[in-house]
Amino acid sequence: MKAPTTILTAARGAAMTEYTVLVGLVALVSIGAFLALGAALVSSFESRRALILYPSP
């Protein structure tokens, strides 16, 4: 039988591992979304910039 402090430490380690995996997955999804939408966003910003800098008469 394990001591209570060992069980508590194991539970904390498991929770830390779960949070680390979760943060990693969120980071990967965020990077994927940025890469997928990045070109469209840049194009949108460039067209708006052109409208502001060079308005048509």
C-alpha atoms as a PDB file:
ATOM      1  CA  MET A   1       0.000   0.000   0.000  1.00  0.00           C
ATOM      2  CA  LYS A   2       1.323   3.428  -0.941  1.00  0.00           C
ATOM      3  CA  ALA A   3       1.638   6.274   1.494  1.00  0.00           C
ATOM      4  CA  PRO A   4      -0.974   9.067   1.143  1.00  0.00           C
ATOM      5  CA  THR A   5       1.660  11.622   0.147  1.00  0.00           C
ATOM      6  CA  THR A   6       2.811   9.397  -2.721  1.00  0.00           C
ATOM      7  CA  ILE A   7      -0.746   9.098  -4.026  1.00  0.00           C
ATOM      8  CA  LEU A   8      -1.214  12.870  -3.772  1.00  0.00           C
ATOM      9  CA  THR A   9       2.039  13.506  -5.623  1.00  0.00           C
ATOM     10  CA  ALA A  10       1.052  11.024  -8.355  1.00  0.00           C
ATOM     11  CA  ALA A  11      -2.305  12.777  -8.773  1.00  0.00           C
ATOM     12  CA  ARG A  12      -0.606  16.154  -9.079  1.00  0.00           C
ATOM     13  CA  GLY A  13       1.787  14.743 -11.657  1.00  0.00           C
ATOM     14  CA  ALA A  14      -1.097  13.311 -13.662  1.00  0.00           C
ATOM     15  CA  ALA A  15      -2.957  16.633 -13.559  1.00  0.00           C
ATOM     16  CA  MET A  16       0.166  18.493 -14.684  1.00  0.00           C
ATOM     17  CA  THR A  17       0.572  16.073 -17.568  1.00  0.00           C
ATOM     18  CA  GLU A  18      -3.060  16.541 -18.619  1.00  0.00           C
ATOM     19  CA  TYR A  19      -2.731  20.328 -18.552  1.00  0.00           C
ATOM     20  CA  THR A  20       0.504  20.157 -20.544  1.00  0.00           C
ATOM     21  CA  VAL A  21      -1.133  17.987 -23.198  1.00  0.00           C
ATOM     22  CA  LEU A  22      -4.163  20.283 -23.297  1.00  0.00           C
ATOM     23  CA  VAL A  23      -2.025  23.418 -23.718  1.00  0.00           C
ATOM     24  CA  GLY A  24      -0.040  21.683 -26.451  1.00  0.00           C
ATOM     25  CA  LEU A  25      -3.205  20.734 -28.330  1.00  0.00           C
ATOM     26  CA  VAL A  26      -4.598  24.257 -28.057  1.00  0.00           C
ATOM     27  CA  ALA A  27      -1.313  25.630 -29.386  1.00  0.00           C
ATOM     28  CA  LEU A  28      -1.344  23.217 -32.339  1.00  0.00           C
ATOM     29  CA  VAL A  29      -4.950  24.057 -33.215  1.00  0.00           C
ATOM     30  CA  SER A  30      -4.192  27.783 -32.974  1.00  0.00           C
ATOM     31  CA  ILE A  31      -1.160  27.472 -35.233  1.00  0.00           C
ATOM     32  CA  GLY A  32      -3.149  25.381 -37.721  1.00  0.00           C
ATOM     33  CA  ALA A  33      -5.973  27.924 -37.807  1.00  0.00           C
ATOM     34  CA  PHE A  34      -3.531  30.780 -38.271  1.00  0.00           C
ATOM     35  CA  LEU A  35      -1.812  29.001 -41.139  1.00  0.00           C
ATOM     36  CA  ALA A  36      -5.128  28.136 -42.769  1.00  0.00           C
ATOM     37  CA  LEU A  37      -6.604  31.625 -42.453  1.00  0.00           C
ATOM     38  CA  GLY A  38      -3.411  33.681 -42.566  1.00  0.00           C
ATOM     39  CA  ALA A  39      -3.333  34.323 -46.303  1.00  0.00           C
ATOM     40  CA  ALA A  40      -7.002  35.344 -46.370  1.00  0.00           C
ATOM     41  CA  LEU A  41      -6.481  37.731 -43.461  1.00  0.00           C
ATOM     42  CA  VAL A  42      -3.434  39.336 -45.064  1.00  0.00           C
ATOM     43  CA  SER A  43      -5.327  39.777 -48.324  1.00  0.00           C
ATOM     44  CA  SER A  44      -8.254  41.349 -46.493  1.00  0.00           C
ATOM     45  CA  PHE A  45      -6.021  43.762 -44.581  1.00  0.00           C
ATOM     46  CA  GLU A  46      -4.127  44.726 -47.723  1.00  0.00           C
ATOM     47  CA  SER A  47      -7.325  45.518 -49.640  1.00  0.00           C
ATOM     48  CA  ARG A  48      -8.627  47.637 -46.742  1.00  0.00           C
ATOM     49  CA  ARG A  49      -5.275  49.411 -46.501  1.00  0.00           C
ATOM     50  CA  ALA A  50      -5.406  50.222 -50.193  1.00  0.00           C
ATOM     51  CA  LEU A  51      -8.913  51.661 -49.819  1.00  0.00           C
ATOM     52  CA  ILE A  52      -7.804  53.872 -46.950  1.00  0.00           C
ATOM     53  CA  LEU A  53      -4.558  55.068 -48.532  1.00  0.00           C
ATOM     54  CA  TYR A  54      -5.846  55.508 -52.091  1.00  0.00           C
ATOM     55  CA  PRO A  55      -9.587  56.211 -52.031  1.00  0.00           C
ATOM     56  CA  SER A  56     -11.286  56.418 -55.402  1.00  0.00           C
ATOM     57  CA  PRO A  57     -12.599  59.852 -56.376  1.00  0.00           C
END
